[in-house]
């Protein structure tokens, strides 16, 4: 009977050990996946920041060209006087 209890205990310990090893493996896999996703997120954040900077530069360029264009239209909208003819 004592031997039977020891064998049952050994089986339980072996199962628990195997389960623990499986969980350890899963944790390691999840850690690697989390690290990979973190790197991807960092890359995406950098790309987003670069895109926002580019967007801001293009916006400023657009506004500058728009102002320049409007100034050009304003100056061409001013009627020009015909050159005075000299009497002579």
Protein backbone atom coordinates (compact mmCIF):
# COMPACT_ATOMS: atom_id res chain seq x y z
CA UNK A 1 0.00 0.00 0.00
CA UNK A 2 2.82 2.36 0.81
CA UNK A 3 4.36 1.62 -2.55
CA UNK A 4 1.06 2.38 -4.28
CA UNK A 5 0.88 5.82 -2.63
CA UNK A 6 4.46 6.57 -3.66
CA UNK A 7 3.74 5.52 -7.25
CA UNK A 8 0.61 7.70 -7.40
CA UNK A 9 2.55 10.61 -5.96
CA UNK A 10 5.32 10.06 -8.50
CA UNK A 11 2.80 10.06 -11.34
CA UNK A 12 1.24 13.30 -10.07
CA UNK A 13 4.63 14.96 -9.69
CA UNK A 14 5.63 13.85 -13.20
CA UNK A 15 2.37 15.22 -14.66
CA UNK A 16 2.81 18.48 -12.77
CA UNK A 17 6.42 18.75 -13.97
CA UNK A 18 5.38 18.15 -17.59
CA UNK A 19 2.58 20.69 -17.27
CA UNK A 20 5.02 23.21 -15.79
CA UNK A 21 7.44 22.64 -18.69
CA UNK A 22 4.61 23.17 -21.18
CA UNK A 23 3.61 26.40 -19.46
CA UNK A 24 7.23 27.56 -19.40
CA UNK A 25 7.51 26.91 -23.14
CA UNK A 26 4.28 28.82 -23.79
CA UNK A 27 5.52 31.74 -21.68
CA UNK A 28 8.78 31.88 -23.63
CA UNK A 29 6.89 31.83 -26.92
CA UNK A 30 4.60 34.62 -25.72
CA UNK A 31 7.60 36.67 -24.58
CA UNK A 32 9.21 36.33 -28.03
CA UNK A 33 5.94 37.25 -29.72
CA UNK A 34 5.51 40.25 -27.42
CA UNK A 35 9.07 41.43 -28.19
CA UNK A 36 8.42 41.07 -31.92
CA UNK A 37 5.15 43.01 -31.67
CA UNK A 38 6.88 45.69 -29.58
CA UNK A 39 9.53 46.14 -32.29
CA UNK A 40 6.81 46.33 -34.95
CA UNK A 41 4.96 48.94 -32.89
CA UNK A 42 8.12 51.00 -32.44
CA UNK A 43 8.73 50.86 -36.20
CA UNK A 44 5.14 51.87 -36.90
CA UNK A 45 5.41 54.75 -34.41
CA UNK A 46 8.58 56.00 -36.11
CA UNK A 47 6.92 55.79 -39.51
CA UNK A 48 3.90 57.65 -38.17
CA UNK A 49 6.10 60.42 -36.75
CA UNK A 50 7.98 60.71 -40.05
CA UNK A 51 4.68 60.85 -41.94
CA UNK A 52 3.38 63.56 -39.60
CA UNK A 53 6.57 65.60 -40.10
CA UNK A 54 6.31 65.19 -43.88
CA UNK A 55 2.63 66.14 -43.73
CA UNK A 56 3.49 69.29 -41.77
CA UNK A 57 6.25 70.26 -44.21
CA UNK A 58 3.93 69.70 -47.18
CA UNK A 59 1.19 71.68 -45.47
CA UNK A 60 3.56 74.60 -44.92
CA UNK A 61 4.77 74.38 -48.53
CA UNK A 62 1.19 74.31 -49.78
CA UNK A 63 0.19 77.31 -47.68
CA UNK A 64 3.30 79.20 -48.80
CA UNK A 65 2.61 78.50 -52.46
CA UNK A 66 -1.04 79.39 -51.97
CA UNK A 67 -0.12 82.75 -50.43
CA UNK A 68 2.39 83.39 -53.20
CA UNK A 69 -0.21 82.50 -55.81
CA UNK A 70 -2.82 84.74 -54.20
CA UNK A 71 -0.33 87.60 -54.01
CA UNK A 72 0.38 87.11 -57.69
CA UNK A 73 -3.34 87.22 -58.46
CA UNK A 74 -3.80 90.32 -56.33
CA UNK A 75 -1.02 92.19 -58.08
CA UNK A 76 -2.32 91.22 -61.50
CA UNK A 77 -5.82 92.29 -60.51
CA UNK A 78 -4.64 95.86 -59.95
CA UNK A 79 -5.47 97.79 -63.07
CA UNK A 80 -2.43 99.17 -64.74
CA UNK A 81 -2.43 102.58 -66.20
CA UNK A 82 -1.58 102.93 -69.74
CA UNK A 83 1.66 104.81 -70.22
CA UNK A 84 1.05 108.48 -70.77
CA UNK A 85 1.78 109.63 -74.22
CA UNK A 86 4.03 112.56 -74.41
CA UNK A 87 2.67 115.47 -76.27
CA UNK A 88 5.00 116.59 -78.76
